[in-house]
């Protein structure tokens, strides 16, 4: 009786492990290529922003927001959303959005996900 019970438990564990699938999703080694429209933003992030410092009062920063919007919505709509963000940055938006603590201090939270609701 004990052998049968042990065999059933072992079989259940083996079947459960075999059907569980991989523990983590397999990520591709290379992210999808960015459109050429992202080149000025990459230049700004890699060279100008490092010399100038992090001054954007919002999180994510305007350049990160632009990159994410281009990745999510393509070059044209991403640039439109980035320009919209640049016009809003540091103005009334700071009064209407919640402040969040980041490693660079308190910033106004304005992610892409909060601004593309009208696209879906």
N, C-alpha and C. Protein backbone atom coordinates (compact mmCIF):
# COMPACT_ATOMS: atom_id res chain seq x y z
N UNK A 1 0.82 -1.18 0.00
CA UNK A 1 0.00 0.00 0.00
C UNK A 1 0.87 1.26 0.00
N UNK A 2 1.95 1.23 0.83
CA UNK A 2 2.84 2.38 0.89
C UNK A 2 3.57 2.56 -0.43
N UNK A 3 3.93 1.46 -1.08
CA UNK A 3 4.62 1.55 -2.38
C UNK A 3 3.71 2.16 -3.43
N UNK A 4 2.47 1.73 -3.45
CA UNK A 4 1.52 2.24 -4.43
C UNK A 4 1.32 3.75 -4.21
N UNK A 5 1.14 4.16 -2.96
CA UNK A 5 0.96 5.57 -2.64
C UNK A 5 2.19 6.38 -3.05
N UNK A 6 3.38 5.86 -2.76
CA UNK A 6 4.62 6.54 -3.13
C UNK A 6 4.75 6.64 -4.64
N UNK A 7 4.39 5.57 -5.35
CA UNK A 7 4.47 5.58 -6.82
C UNK A 7 3.50 6.60 -7.40
N UNK A 8 2.31 6.71 -6.83
CA UNK A 8 1.32 7.69 -7.32
C UNK A 8 1.83 9.11 -7.09
N UNK A 9 2.39 9.36 -5.92
CA UNK A 9 2.92 10.69 -5.61
C UNK A 9 4.06 11.04 -6.55
N UNK A 10 4.97 10.12 -6.78
CA UNK A 10 6.11 10.36 -7.68
C UNK A 10 5.60 10.62 -9.09
N UNK A 11 4.64 9.83 -9.55
CA UNK A 11 4.08 10.03 -10.89
C UNK A 11 3.42 11.40 -11.01
N UNK A 12 2.69 11.81 -9.98
CA UNK A 12 2.04 13.12 -10.02
C UNK A 12 3.07 14.25 -10.07
N UNK A 13 4.14 14.12 -9.31
CA UNK A 13 5.19 15.14 -9.32
C UNK A 13 5.86 15.21 -10.69
N UNK A 14 6.17 14.06 -11.28
CA UNK A 14 6.81 14.04 -12.59
C UNK A 14 5.90 14.62 -13.66
N UNK A 15 4.64 14.26 -13.64
CA UNK A 15 3.70 14.80 -14.63
C UNK A 15 3.53 16.30 -14.42
N UNK A 16 3.45 16.73 -13.18
CA UNK A 16 3.32 18.15 -12.89
C UNK A 16 4.52 18.95 -13.35
N UNK A 17 5.70 18.41 -13.14
CA UNK A 17 6.92 19.10 -13.58
C UNK A 17 7.03 19.12 -15.09
N UNK A 18 6.62 18.05 -15.73
CA UNK A 18 6.73 17.97 -17.19
C UNK A 18 5.76 18.92 -17.87
N UNK A 19 4.62 19.16 -17.27
CA UNK A 19 3.63 20.01 -17.92
C UNK A 19 3.71 21.47 -17.49
N UNK A 20 4.62 21.80 -16.59
CA UNK A 20 4.69 23.16 -16.07
C UNK A 20 5.28 24.14 -17.08
N UNK A 21 6.10 23.68 -18.00
CA UNK A 21 6.72 24.58 -18.96
C UNK A 21 7.93 25.27 -18.36
N UNK A 22 8.53 26.18 -19.10
CA UNK A 22 9.72 26.86 -18.58
C UNK A 22 9.36 27.78 -17.42
N UNK A 23 10.31 27.95 -16.52
CA UNK A 23 10.08 28.77 -15.33
C UNK A 23 9.98 30.25 -15.69
N UNK A 24 10.76 30.70 -16.66
CA UNK A 24 10.75 32.10 -17.08
C UNK A 24 10.55 32.16 -18.59
N UNK A 25 9.92 33.20 -19.07
CA UNK A 25 9.80 33.33 -20.52
C UNK A 25 11.18 33.57 -21.13
N UNK A 26 11.39 33.01 -22.28
CA UNK A 26 12.66 33.17 -22.97
C UNK A 26 12.66 34.53 -23.65
N UNK A 27 13.63 35.35 -23.30
CA UNK A 27 13.73 36.68 -23.88
C UNK A 27 14.66 36.63 -25.08
N UNK A 28 14.32 37.39 -26.10
CA UNK A 28 15.20 37.44 -27.26
C UNK A 28 16.47 38.18 -26.85
N UNK A 29 17.56 37.80 -27.45
CA UNK A 29 18.84 38.41 -27.09
C UNK A 29 18.93 39.85 -27.57
N UNK A 30 18.34 40.13 -28.72
CA UNK A 30 18.40 41.47 -29.27
C UNK A 30 17.01 42.08 -29.28
N UNK A 31 16.86 43.28 -28.72
CA UNK A 31 15.55 43.93 -28.79
C UNK A 31 15.25 44.32 -30.23
N UNK A 32 13.99 44.53 -30.56
CA UNK A 32 13.67 44.92 -31.93
C UNK A 32 14.34 46.25 -32.27
N UNK A 33 14.75 46.41 -33.52
CA UNK A 33 15.45 47.65 -33.89
C UNK A 33 14.52 48.86 -33.78
N UNK A 34 15.10 49.97 -33.38
CA UNK A 34 14.34 51.21 -33.28
C UNK A 34 14.31 51.89 -34.64
N UNK A 35 13.25 52.61 -34.94
CA UNK A 35 13.22 53.34 -36.20
C UNK A 35 14.25 54.47 -36.20
N UNK A 36 14.55 54.98 -37.38
CA UNK A 36 15.53 56.06 -37.51
C UNK A 36 15.06 57.31 -36.77
N UNK A 37 13.77 57.43 -36.53
CA UNK A 37 13.24 58.60 -35.81
C UNK A 37 13.77 58.67 -34.39
N UNK A 38 14.26 57.57 -33.87
CA UNK A 38 14.77 57.55 -32.49
C UNK A 38 16.23 58.01 -32.41
N UNK A 39 16.90 58.19 -33.53
CA UNK A 39 18.32 58.56 -33.53
C UNK A 39 18.59 59.88 -32.79
N UNK A 40 17.81 60.94 -33.02
CA UNK A 40 18.09 62.18 -32.26
C UNK A 40 17.90 62.01 -30.75
N UNK A 41 16.95 61.18 -30.36
CA UNK A 41 16.71 60.96 -28.94
C UNK A 41 17.87 60.18 -28.33
N UNK A 42 18.35 59.16 -29.05
CA UNK A 42 19.50 58.39 -28.57
C UNK A 42 20.73 59.29 -28.44
N UNK A 43 20.94 60.16 -29.42
CA UNK A 43 22.06 61.10 -29.36
C UNK A 43 21.94 61.98 -28.12
N UNK A 44 20.74 62.50 -27.88
CA UNK A 44 20.53 63.34 -26.70
C UNK A 44 20.80 62.57 -25.42
N UNK A 45 20.27 61.34 -25.33
CA UNK A 45 20.45 60.55 -24.10
C UNK A 45 21.90 60.19 -23.85
N UNK A 46 22.62 59.82 -24.90
CA UNK A 46 23.99 59.33 -24.73
C UNK A 46 25.02 60.43 -24.54
N UNK A 47 24.80 61.58 -25.16
CA UNK A 47 25.84 62.61 -25.13
C UNK A 47 25.40 63.88 -24.39
N UNK A 48 24.32 64.48 -24.79
CA UNK A 48 23.92 65.76 -24.22
C UNK A 48 23.40 65.64 -22.79
N UNK A 49 22.54 64.67 -22.55
CA UNK A 49 21.94 64.53 -21.23
C UNK A 49 22.97 64.16 -20.16
N UNK A 50 23.95 63.38 -20.53
CA UNK A 50 24.99 63.01 -19.56
C UNK A 50 25.82 64.22 -19.14
N UNK A 51 26.04 65.13 -20.08
CA UNK A 51 26.81 66.33 -19.76
C UNK A 51 25.96 67.36 -19.02
N UNK A 52 24.68 67.37 -19.33
CA UNK A 52 23.77 68.38 -18.80
C UNK A 52 23.14 67.98 -17.47
N UNK A 53 23.00 66.70 -17.23
CA UNK A 53 22.39 66.21 -16.00
C UNK A 53 20.89 65.98 -16.15
N UNK A 54 20.32 65.37 -15.13
CA UNK A 54 18.89 65.03 -15.15
C UNK A 54 18.11 66.22 -14.60
N UNK A 55 17.43 66.95 -15.48
CA UNK A 55 16.70 68.13 -15.05
C UNK A 55 15.20 68.03 -15.27
N UNK A 56 14.73 67.00 -15.89
CA UNK A 56 13.30 66.88 -16.19
C UNK A 56 12.51 66.72 -14.89
N UNK A 57 11.46 67.52 -14.69
CA UNK A 57 10.68 67.41 -13.45
C UNK A 57 9.67 66.27 -13.47
N UNK A 58 9.66 65.49 -14.55
CA UNK A 58 8.69 64.42 -14.68
C UNK A 58 9.38 63.07 -14.78
N UNK A 59 8.64 62.03 -14.48
CA UNK A 59 9.16 60.67 -14.63
C UNK A 59 8.17 59.85 -15.44
N UNK A 60 8.60 59.13 -16.43
CA UNK A 60 9.96 59.04 -16.96
C UNK A 60 10.38 60.37 -17.58
N UNK A 61 11.68 60.52 -17.77
CA UNK A 61 12.18 61.76 -18.36
C UNK A 61 11.58 61.92 -19.75
N UNK A 62 11.63 63.11 -20.28
CA UNK A 62 11.02 63.37 -21.59
C UNK A 62 11.65 62.51 -22.68
N UNK A 63 12.96 62.31 -22.62
CA UNK A 63 13.60 61.49 -23.65
C UNK A 63 13.22 60.02 -23.50
N UNK A 64 13.10 59.54 -22.27
CA UNK A 64 12.64 58.15 -22.06
C UNK A 64 11.20 57.99 -22.49
N UNK A 65 10.39 58.99 -22.22
CA UNK A 65 8.99 58.99 -22.65
C UNK A 65 8.91 58.91 -24.17
N UNK A 66 9.75 59.71 -24.85
CA UNK A 66 9.76 59.70 -26.31
C UNK A 66 10.17 58.33 -26.86
N UNK A 67 11.20 57.73 -26.27
CA UNK A 67 11.64 56.41 -26.74
C UNK A 67 10.54 55.37 -26.54
N UNK A 68 9.89 55.40 -25.40
CA UNK A 68 8.83 54.42 -25.13
C UNK A 68 7.64 54.63 -26.06
N UNK A 69 7.28 55.88 -26.32
CA UNK A 69 6.15 56.13 -27.21
C UNK A 69 6.47 55.71 -28.64
N UNK A 70 7.71 55.88 -29.08
CA UNK A 70 8.11 55.44 -30.42
C UNK A 70 8.09 53.92 -30.48
N UNK A 71 8.57 53.25 -29.45
CA UNK A 71 8.54 51.78 -29.43
C UNK A 71 7.11 51.25 -29.47
N UNK A 72 6.23 51.88 -28.71
CA UNK A 72 4.86 51.37 -28.59
C UNK A 72 3.97 51.75 -29.76
N UNK A 73 4.16 52.95 -30.33
CA UNK A 73 3.20 53.46 -31.30
C UNK A 73 3.79 53.81 -32.66
N UNK A 74 5.07 53.53 -32.87
CA UNK A 74 5.68 53.82 -34.15
C UNK A 74 6.28 55.22 -34.20
N UNK A 75 6.98 55.49 -35.29
CA UNK A 75 7.75 56.72 -35.40
C UNK A 75 6.87 57.97 -35.43
N UNK A 76 5.84 57.98 -36.25
CA UNK A 76 5.04 59.20 -36.41
C UNK A 76 4.25 59.51 -35.14
N UNK A 77 3.46 58.56 -34.68
CA UNK A 77 2.65 58.81 -33.48
C UNK A 77 3.54 58.98 -32.25
N UNK A 78 4.66 58.28 -32.21
CA UNK A 78 5.59 58.44 -31.10
C UNK A 78 6.16 59.85 -31.03
N UNK A 79 6.52 60.41 -32.19
CA UNK A 79 7.03 61.78 -32.21
C UNK A 79 5.94 62.77 -31.82
N UNK A 80 4.71 62.53 -32.26
CA UNK A 80 3.61 63.43 -31.88
C UNK A 80 3.42 63.41 -30.37
N UNK A 81 3.44 62.20 -29.80
CA UNK A 81 3.28 62.09 -28.34
C UNK A 81 4.46 62.73 -27.60
N UNK A 82 5.67 62.59 -28.15
CA UNK A 82 6.85 63.19 -27.52
C UNK A 82 6.77 64.72 -27.55
N UNK A 83 6.32 65.27 -28.67
CA UNK A 83 6.17 66.73 -28.76
C UNK A 83 5.09 67.22 -27.81
N UNK A 84 4.01 66.46 -27.68
CA UNK A 84 2.96 66.81 -26.72
C UNK A 84 3.53 66.82 -25.31
N UNK A 85 4.33 65.83 -25.00
CA UNK A 85 4.94 65.76 -23.66
C UNK A 85 5.86 66.95 -23.41
N UNK A 86 6.66 67.32 -24.42
CA UNK A 86 7.57 68.45 -24.26
C UNK A 86 6.81 69.75 -24.02
N UNK A 87 5.64 69.88 -24.64
CA UNK A 87 4.84 71.09 -24.41
C UNK A 87 4.23 71.10 -23.01
N UNK A 88 3.94 69.92 -22.46
CA UNK A 88 3.33 69.83 -21.13
C UNK A 88 4.35 69.84 -20.01
N UNK A 89 5.58 69.51 -20.29
CA UNK A 89 6.59 69.30 -19.25
C UNK A 89 6.84 70.56 -18.43
N UNK A 90 6.67 70.41 -17.12
CA UNK A 90 7.00 71.48 -16.20
C UNK A 90 5.97 72.58 -16.07
N UNK A 91 4.84 72.46 -16.72
CA UNK A 91 3.83 73.51 -16.64
C UNK A 91 2.71 73.06 -15.70
N UNK A 92 1.47 73.21 -16.13
CA UNK A 92 0.32 72.84 -15.30
C UNK A 92 0.30 71.36 -14.96
N UNK A 93 0.99 70.57 -15.74
CA UNK A 93 1.00 69.13 -15.49
C UNK A 93 1.52 68.80 -14.10
N UNK A 94 2.43 69.59 -13.60
CA UNK A 94 2.99 69.34 -12.27
C UNK A 94 1.94 69.49 -11.17
N UNK A 95 0.93 70.30 -11.42
CA UNK A 95 -0.13 70.49 -10.43
C UNK A 95 -1.18 69.39 -10.49
N UNK A 96 -1.32 68.76 -11.66
CA UNK A 96 -2.41 67.81 -11.86
C UNK A 96 -2.00 66.35 -11.77
N UNK A 97 -0.74 66.05 -11.77
CA UNK A 97 -0.26 64.67 -11.69
C UNK A 97 0.31 64.39 -10.31
N UNK A 98 0.25 63.13 -9.89
CA UNK A 98 0.81 62.80 -8.57
C UNK A 98 2.34 62.83 -8.58
N UNK A 99 2.90 63.22 -7.46
CA UNK A 99 4.36 63.22 -7.31
C UNK A 99 4.80 61.86 -6.79
N UNK A 100 5.91 61.38 -7.32
CA UNK A 100 6.47 60.10 -6.89
C UNK A 100 7.93 60.31 -6.53
N UNK A 101 8.41 59.52 -5.58
CA UNK A 101 9.81 59.60 -5.16
C UNK A 101 10.65 58.74 -6.10
N UNK A 102 11.67 59.32 -6.70
CA UNK A 102 12.60 58.59 -7.56
C UNK A 102 14.00 58.74 -6.99
N UNK A 103 14.97 58.12 -7.63
CA UNK A 103 16.35 58.24 -7.13
C UNK A 103 16.89 59.66 -7.33
N UNK A 104 16.22 60.45 -8.18
CA UNK A 104 16.63 61.83 -8.42
C UNK A 104 15.78 62.83 -7.65
N UNK A 105 15.01 62.37 -6.68
CA UNK A 105 14.14 63.26 -5.91
C UNK A 105 12.68 63.07 -6.30
N UNK A 106 11.85 64.02 -5.92
CA UNK A 106 10.43 63.95 -6.23
C UNK A 106 10.19 64.40 -7.66
N UNK A 107 9.43 63.60 -8.39
CA UNK A 107 9.10 63.89 -9.79
C UNK A 107 7.61 63.71 -10.01
N UNK A 108 7.12 64.33 -11.04
CA UNK A 108 5.71 64.21 -11.42
C UNK A 108 5.55 62.97 -12.30
N UNK A 109 4.65 62.08 -11.95
CA UNK A 109 4.46 60.83 -12.69
C UNK A 109 3.60 61.07 -13.93
N UNK A 110 4.16 60.75 -15.10
CA UNK A 110 3.44 60.91 -16.37
C UNK A 110 3.89 59.85 -17.37
N UNK A 111 3.52 58.57 -17.15
CA UNK A 111 3.95 57.52 -18.07
C UNK A 111 3.15 57.53 -19.38
N UNK A 112 3.71 56.88 -20.38
CA UNK A 112 3.05 56.78 -21.69
C UNK A 112 1.69 56.12 -21.55
N UNK A 113 1.59 55.12 -20.69
CA UNK A 113 0.32 54.39 -20.54
C UNK A 113 -0.82 55.30 -20.09
N UNK A 114 -0.53 56.40 -19.43
CA UNK A 114 -1.59 57.32 -19.02
C UNK A 114 -2.01 58.27 -20.12
N UNK A 115 -1.28 58.28 -21.23
CA UNK A 115 -1.56 59.25 -22.29
C UNK A 115 -1.91 58.63 -23.63
N UNK A 116 -2.00 57.32 -23.70
CA UNK A 116 -2.37 56.71 -24.98
C UNK A 116 -3.71 55.98 -24.91
N UNK A 117 -4.52 56.32 -23.91
CA UNK A 117 -5.81 55.65 -23.74
C UNK A 117 -6.73 55.89 -24.93
N UNK A 118 -6.61 57.01 -25.60
CA UNK A 118 -7.49 57.34 -26.72
C UNK A 118 -7.13 56.57 -27.99
N UNK A 119 -6.00 55.88 -27.98
CA UNK A 119 -5.58 55.13 -29.17
C UNK A 119 -6.19 53.75 -29.25
N UNK A 120 -6.70 53.25 -28.17
CA UNK A 120 -7.16 51.86 -28.13
C UNK A 120 -8.63 51.75 -28.38
